[in-house]
């Protein structure tokens, strides 16, 4: 709870700082500071779900959280440039607005209870030293495999989503339609996140659902590489259907790994997300550099990254 409060406050302040930038250097510095804050938020929200909704309810709870993320992604991509920026008077004011919203969410967290009384126990009250938690989790093979899985999937999704509006404009789509295509990806993901989580709970299998979701992400991104953009809407629907449902089930599987539980969930999720952020850092510039040869070639690179993630996922042991 304290981490979420502080994370939301600092994300709001550093996010709004970008609006005060006067040149590229100050914008890059503000963006770097902002980038340090948000990663702590989703993993602690998912850990909170593990505390409040253990057992068979965990997949659904994480599905609701992922649906909330998808809603934010959809509204941000749909409204920021075409609605909020003209209405508020520029991109700086949009960043100020988002910073204020983050601070408001942090205030909301200050009024929540830290843990439900029904599940309080000495184990839940125990604090794990940082060094012990890192060395303990670092010895888990499945955590490394899930991290490498997220290196491929995270890099694929980050690269493809960042490039998609630019690609569509490059092949002649109107600017508004390009933004709508990106918003449609998140809209489909929003609608599918909870049903996918429910399906995983019902089947009792996390890995099987993750494999199918990864194949859908690969297929959708690969379709975007076809010339002329004739399959854009189908590709957006296929890959978007799986994206946030994938994240919900992945976070659930991390908590359910043998020896992790809620005690080490934050550390394990953090380790997996380090790989995801590394993929998200490397894949966009590498993929974008291929656009000089052919506009659709970056999607081929990102689809291959998804297959790399699938390869590592295959060797993950089912939580059971």
Protein backbone atom coordinates (compact mmCIF):
# COMPACT_ATOMS: atom_id res chain seq x y z
CA UNK A 1 0.00 0.00 0.00
CA UNK A 2 2.77 2.45 0.91
CA UNK A 3 4.68 1.61 -2.26
CA UNK A 4 1.59 2.26 -4.38
CA UNK A 5 0.87 5.57 -2.66
CA UNK A 6 4.44 6.83 -3.10
CA UNK A 7 4.67 5.40 -6.63
CA UNK A 8 1.51 7.18 -7.77
CA UNK A 9 2.63 10.48 -6.20
CA UNK A 10 6.10 10.35 -7.75
CA UNK A 11 4.78 9.16 -11.12
CA UNK A 12 2.40 12.12 -11.15
CA UNK A 13 5.09 14.65 -10.24
CA UNK A 14 7.78 13.34 -12.61
CA UNK A 15 5.23 12.76 -15.38
CA UNK A 16 4.07 16.36 -15.14
CA UNK A 17 7.71 17.54 -15.13
CA UNK A 18 7.93 16.54 -18.80
CA UNK A 19 5.52 19.38 -19.55
CA UNK A 20 8.08 21.89 -18.22
CA UNK A 21 10.79 20.75 -20.67
CA UNK A 22 12.37 23.49 -22.77
CA UNK A 23 14.47 21.37 -25.15
CA UNK A 24 15.33 17.79 -26.05
CA UNK A 25 17.86 17.34 -23.22
CA UNK A 26 15.48 18.45 -20.48
CA UNK A 27 12.66 16.38 -22.00
CA UNK A 28 14.89 13.29 -22.09
CA UNK A 29 15.98 13.87 -18.49
CA UNK A 30 12.37 14.30 -17.32
CA UNK A 31 11.31 11.21 -19.28
CA UNK A 32 14.13 9.24 -17.62
CA UNK A 33 13.02 10.31 -14.15
CA UNK A 34 9.41 9.48 -14.98
CA UNK A 35 10.42 6.06 -16.30
CA UNK A 36 11.80 5.10 -12.87
CA UNK A 37 8.39 5.35 -11.20
CA UNK A 38 5.55 3.58 -13.08
CA UNK A 39 7.10 0.05 -13.17
CA UNK A 40 6.59 -0.27 -9.40
CA UNK A 41 2.84 0.29 -9.72
CA UNK A 42 1.46 -2.65 -11.77
CA UNK A 43 3.52 -5.31 -10.00
CA UNK A 44 2.39 -4.08 -6.58
CA UNK A 45 -1.23 -3.94 -7.72
CA UNK A 46 -0.96 -7.56 -8.87
CA UNK A 47 0.74 -8.51 -5.58
CA UNK A 48 -2.14 -6.82 -3.73
CA UNK A 49 -4.52 -9.02 -5.72
CA UNK A 50 -2.57 -12.03 -4.49
CA UNK A 51 -3.12 -10.92 -0.88
CA UNK A 52 -6.80 -10.04 -1.20
CA UNK A 53 -7.95 -12.70 -3.69
CA UNK A 54 -5.94 -15.90 -3.19
CA UNK A 55 -6.72 -19.24 -4.78
CA UNK A 56 -9.19 -19.59 -7.64
CA UNK A 57 -10.19 -15.92 -7.54
CA UNK A 58 -6.70 -14.67 -8.31
CA UNK A 59 -6.87 -15.04 -12.09
CA UNK A 60 -10.12 -13.09 -12.28
CA UNK A 61 -8.81 -10.35 -9.97
CA UNK A 62 -5.71 -9.92 -12.13
CA UNK A 63 -7.96 -9.94 -15.19
CA UNK A 64 -9.91 -6.98 -13.80
CA UNK A 65 -6.64 -5.14 -13.12
CA UNK A 66 -5.41 -5.81 -16.66
CA UNK A 67 -8.73 -4.65 -18.07
CA UNK A 68 -8.24 -1.39 -16.17
CA UNK A 69 -4.81 -1.01 -17.74
CA UNK A 70 -6.27 -1.69 -21.18
CA UNK A 71 -8.93 0.97 -20.57
CA UNK A 72 -6.24 3.50 -19.70
CA UNK A 73 -4.17 2.57 -22.75
CA UNK A 74 -7.23 2.86 -25.00
CA UNK A 75 -8.38 6.23 -23.67
CA UNK A 76 -4.84 7.61 -23.74
CA UNK A 77 -4.19 6.62 -27.35
CA UNK A 78 -7.66 7.71 -28.48
CA UNK A 79 -7.95 11.05 -26.68
CA UNK A 80 -4.50 12.47 -25.92
CA UNK A 81 -3.42 13.85 -29.30
CA UNK A 82 -6.72 14.40 -31.09
CA UNK A 83 -9.02 15.54 -28.23
CA UNK A 84 -7.21 16.58 -25.05
CA UNK A 85 -4.28 18.41 -26.64
CA UNK A 86 -6.45 20.81 -28.72
CA UNK A 87 -8.92 21.21 -25.86
CA UNK A 88 -6.32 21.97 -23.18
CA UNK A 89 -4.03 24.01 -25.42
CA UNK A 90 -1.11 21.70 -26.11
CA UNK A 91 0.76 18.55 -25.14
CA UNK A 92 2.25 20.13 -22.02
CA UNK A 93 -1.19 20.62 -20.48
CA UNK A 94 -2.06 17.01 -21.29
CA UNK A 95 0.96 15.84 -19.28
CA UNK A 96 -0.03 18.13 -16.40
CA UNK A 97 -3.52 16.58 -16.43
CA UNK A 98 -2.21 13.02 -16.37
CA UNK A 99 0.20 13.92 -13.56
CA UNK A 100 -2.67 15.30 -11.48
CA UNK A 101 -4.75 12.17 -12.10
CA UNK A 102 -1.89 9.98 -10.87
CA UNK A 103 -1.63 12.00 -7.65
CA UNK A 104 -5.40 11.66 -7.12
CA UNK A 105 -5.09 7.87 -7.44
CA UNK A 106 -2.31 7.94 -4.84
CA UNK A 107 -4.66 9.77 -2.48
CA UNK A 108 -7.28 7.06 -3.04
CA UNK A 109 -4.74 4.40 -2.03
CA UNK A 110 -4.12 6.20 1.28
CA UNK A 111 -7.71 5.37 2.34
CA UNK A 112 -7.49 1.62 1.65
CA UNK A 113 -6.69 -1.10 4.16
CA UNK A 114 -3.28 -2.72 3.89
CA UNK A 115 -4.49 -6.32 4.19
CA UNK A 116 -7.86 -8.00 4.81
CA UNK A 117 -8.22 -9.06 8.45
CA UNK A 118 -9.38 -12.53 7.41
CA UNK A 119 -5.99 -13.37 5.88
CA UNK A 120 -3.64 -11.66 8.34
CA UNK A 121 -0.99 -14.04 9.62
CA UNK A 122 2.58 -13.89 10.94
CA UNK A 123 3.76 -14.96 7.47
CA UNK A 124 2.03 -12.01 5.79
CA UNK A 125 3.41 -9.58 8.35
CA UNK A 126 6.98 -10.79 7.87
CA UNK A 127 9.20 -8.40 5.94
CA UNK A 128 11.68 -9.90 3.47
CA UNK A 129 15.15 -8.27 3.42
CA UNK A 130 16.00 -6.99 -0.05
CA UNK A 131 19.19 -8.99 -0.46
CA UNK A 132 17.57 -12.22 0.71
CA UNK A 133 14.58 -11.76 -1.57
CA UNK A 134 16.74 -11.13 -4.63
CA UNK A 135 19.08 -14.08 -4.05
CA UNK A 136 16.14 -16.38 -3.25
CA UNK A 137 14.16 -15.47 -6.38
CA UNK A 138 17.28 -15.42 -8.60
CA UNK A 139 17.72 -19.16 -7.95
CA UNK A 140 14.31 -19.97 -9.47
CA UNK A 141 14.55 -21.32 -13.01
CA UNK A 142 10.93 -20.57 -13.84
CA UNK A 143 11.34 -16.89 -12.95
CA UNK A 144 14.25 -16.59 -15.41
CA UNK A 145 12.26 -18.39 -18.11
CA UNK A 146 9.23 -16.12 -17.60
CA UNK A 147 11.56 -13.12 -17.68
CA UNK A 148 13.00 -14.22 -21.03
CA UNK A 149 9.46 -14.86 -22.24
CA UNK A 150 8.57 -11.27 -21.38
CA UNK A 151 11.74 -10.03 -23.09
CA UNK A 152 10.33 -11.35 -26.35
CA UNK A 153 6.65 -10.55 -25.83
CA UNK A 154 7.22 -7.16 -24.20
CA UNK A 155 9.66 -6.13 -26.92
CA UNK A 156 7.27 -7.30 -29.63
CA UNK A 157 4.24 -5.44 -28.26
CA UNK A 158 6.11 -2.24 -27.35
CA UNK A 159 7.77 -2.00 -30.74
CA UNK A 160 4.67 -2.81 -32.77
CA UNK A 161 2.35 -0.45 -30.87
CA UNK A 162 4.78 2.46 -31.03
CA UNK A 163 5.35 2.02 -34.75
CA UNK A 164 1.80 1.20 -35.86
CA UNK A 165 0.40 4.79 -36.13
CA UNK A 166 3.57 5.96 -37.93
CA UNK A 167 3.38 3.02 -40.33
CA UNK A 168 -0.28 3.61 -41.14
CA UNK A 169 0.37 7.29 -41.83
CA UNK A 170 3.34 6.26 -43.99
CA UNK A 171 1.16 4.08 -46.22
CA UNK A 172 -1.43 6.82 -46.62
CA UNK A 173 -3.94 6.36 -43.80
CA UNK A 174 -5.55 9.55 -42.40
CA UNK A 175 -4.06 10.60 -39.06
CA UNK A 176 -7.30 10.04 -37.13
CA UNK A 177 -7.74 6.51 -38.52
CA UNK A 178 -4.19 5.64 -37.48
CA UNK A 179 -4.96 6.65 -33.88
CA UNK A 180 -8.26 4.75 -33.96
CA UNK A 181 -6.45 1.57 -35.06
CA UNK A 182 -4.19 1.82 -32.01
CA UNK A 183 -7.15 2.51 -29.73
CA UNK A 184 -8.98 -0.47 -31.25
CA UNK A 185 -6.10 -2.73 -30.19
CA UNK A 186 -6.55 -1.65 -26.58
CA UNK A 187 -10.35 -1.76 -26.85
CA UNK A 188 -10.32 -5.40 -27.94
CA UNK A 189 -7.81 -6.15 -25.21
CA UNK A 190 -10.10 -4.49 -22.66
CA UNK A 191 -13.07 -6.66 -23.66
CA UNK A 192 -11.07 -9.89 -23.66
CA UNK A 193 -8.94 -9.55 -20.49
CA UNK A 194 -11.56 -10.71 -17.97
CA UNK A 195 -12.98 -13.59 -20.10
CA UNK A 196 -9.44 -14.89 -20.69
CA UNK A 197 -8.72 -14.74 -16.95
CA UNK A 198 -11.99 -16.56 -16.19
CA UNK A 199 -11.11 -19.21 -18.77
CA UNK A 200 -7.74 -19.74 -17.14
CA UNK A 201 -9.36 -20.13 -13.72
CA UNK A 202 -11.89 -22.59 -15.11
CA UNK A 203 -9.30 -24.68 -16.96
CA UNK A 204 -6.85 -24.63 -14.07
CA UNK A 205 -4.05 -24.07 -16.58
CA UNK A 206 -2.02 -20.89 -16.87
CA UNK A 207 0.69 -22.06 -19.26
CA UNK A 208 -1.72 -23.38 -21.89
CA UNK A 209 -3.60 -20.07 -22.04
CA UNK A 210 -0.32 -18.16 -22.19
CA UNK A 211 0.88 -20.26 -25.14
CA UNK A 212 -2.33 -19.63 -27.11
CA UNK A 213 -2.20 -15.90 -26.29
CA UNK A 214 1.43 -15.71 -27.44
CA UNK A 215 0.54 -17.38 -30.74
CA UNK A 216 -2.24 -14.82 -31.25
CA UNK A 217 0.15 -11.92 -30.59
CA UNK A 218 2.64 -13.42 -33.05
CA UNK A 219 -0.05 -13.94 -35.70
CA UNK A 220 -1.44 -10.42 -35.37
CA UNK A 221 1.97 -8.71 -35.58
CA UNK A 222 3.00 -10.95 -38.49
CA UNK A 223 -0.16 -9.98 -40.41
CA UNK A 224 0.80 -6.31 -40.10
CA UNK A 225 3.89 -7.05 -42.19
CA UNK A 226 1.83 -7.96 -45.25
CA UNK A 227 2.07 -5.28 -47.97
CA UNK A 228 -0.57 -2.59 -48.27
CA UNK A 229 -1.94 -2.87 -44.76
CA UNK A 230 -4.92 -4.90 -46.02
CA UNK A 231 -5.10 -7.00 -42.86
CA UNK A 232 -4.60 -4.18 -40.32
CA UNK A 233 -7.99 -4.47 -38.62
CA UNK A 234 -7.81 -8.26 -38.43
CA UNK A 235 -4.26 -8.06 -37.08
CA UNK A 236 -5.27 -5.49 -34.46
CA UNK A 237 -8.19 -7.65 -33.30
CA UNK A 238 -6.17 -10.89 -33.12
CA UNK A 239 -3.16 -9.48 -31.26
CA UNK A 240 -5.20 -7.08 -29.13
CA UNK A 241 -7.51 -9.89 -28.00
CA UNK A 242 -4.63 -11.62 -26.25
CA UNK A 243 -2.42 -8.79 -24.94
CA UNK A 244 -3.84 -7.79 -21.52
CA UNK A 245 -5.28 -11.24 -20.86
CA UNK A 246 -1.73 -12.53 -21.34
CA UNK A 247 -0.42 -10.08 -18.74
CA UNK A 248 -3.14 -11.01 -16.24
CA UNK A 249 -2.36 -14.72 -16.50
CA UNK A 250 1.40 -14.17 -16.47
CA UNK A 251 1.23 -12.20 -13.22
CA UNK A 252 -1.03 -14.86 -11.74
CA UNK A 253 1.40 -17.61 -12.72
CA UNK A 254 4.31 -15.76 -11.11
CA UNK A 255 2.46 -15.57 -7.79
CA UNK A 256 1.49 -19.25 -8.05
CA UNK A 257 5.02 -20.49 -8.76
CA UNK A 258 6.28 -22.92 -6.16
CA UNK A 259 8.19 -21.01 -3.48
CA UNK A 260 7.01 -17.52 -4.56
CA UNK A 261 3.55 -16.80 -3.15
CA UNK A 262 2.65 -13.32 -1.97
CA UNK A 263 5.80 -13.04 0.17
CA UNK A 264 8.19 -13.01 -2.81
CA UNK A 265 5.70 -11.95 -5.49
CA UNK A 266 6.92 -8.37 -5.69
CA UNK A 267 10.55 -9.40 -6.14
CA UNK A 268 9.69 -12.12 -8.68
CA UNK A 269 7.46 -9.78 -10.70
CA UNK A 270 10.13 -7.10 -10.58
CA UNK A 271 12.71 -9.51 -11.96
CA UNK A 272 10.41 -10.60 -14.78
CA UNK A 273 9.52 -7.00 -15.62
CA UNK A 274 13.22 -6.05 -15.80
CA UNK A 275 13.47 -8.41 -18.79
CA UNK A 276 10.26 -6.97 -20.23
CA UNK A 277 11.57 -3.40 -19.94
CA UNK A 278 14.88 -4.46 -21.46
CA UNK A 279 13.04 -5.85 -24.46
CA UNK A 280 10.94 -2.69 -24.68
CA UNK A 281 14.13 -0.60 -24.62
CA UNK A 282 15.98 -2.52 -27.32
CA UNK A 283 13.29 -3.62 -29.77
CA UNK A 284 11.81 -0.27 -30.98
CA UNK A 285 15.08 1.25 -32.28
CA UNK A 286 16.20 -2.07 -33.77
CA UNK A 287 12.86 -2.63 -35.48
CA UNK A 288 12.46 0.96 -36.61
CA UNK A 289 15.90 0.90 -38.24
CA UNK A 290 14.61 -1.78 -40.63
CA UNK A 291 11.98 0.63 -41.99
CA UNK A 292 14.65 2.19 -44.22
CA UNK A 293 14.61 -1.05 -46.25
CA UNK A 294 10.83 -1.58 -46.20
CA UNK A 295 8.08 0.03 -44.13
CA UNK A 296 6.57 -3.32 -43.11
CA UNK A 297 9.85 -5.07 -42.24
CA UNK A 298 9.90 -3.98 -38.55
CA UNK A 299 6.78 -6.07 -37.93
CA UNK A 300 8.65 -9.17 -39.13
CA UNK A 301 11.38 -8.50 -36.58
CA UNK A 302 8.87 -8.03 -33.75
CA UNK A 303 6.94 -11.17 -34.74
CA UNK A 304 10.19 -13.15 -34.49
CA UNK A 305 10.70 -11.68 -31.01
CA UNK A 306 7.28 -13.07 -30.01
CA UNK A 307 8.40 -16.52 -31.21
CA UNK A 308 11.53 -16.22 -29.07
CA UNK A 309 9.28 -15.53 -26.08
CA UNK A 310 7.16 -18.55 -26.96
CA UNK A 311 10.26 -20.75 -27.04
CA UNK A 312 11.21 -19.87 -23.45
CA UNK A 313 7.56 -20.13 -22.31
CA UNK A 314 7.47 -23.73 -23.54
CA UNK A 315 10.03 -24.73 -20.91
CA UNK A 316 8.22 -23.10 -17.98
CA UNK A 317 6.85 -25.64 -15.53
CA UNK A 318 3.09 -25.30 -14.97
CA UNK A 319 2.30 -23.89 -11.53
CA UNK A 320 -0.37 -26.52 -10.91
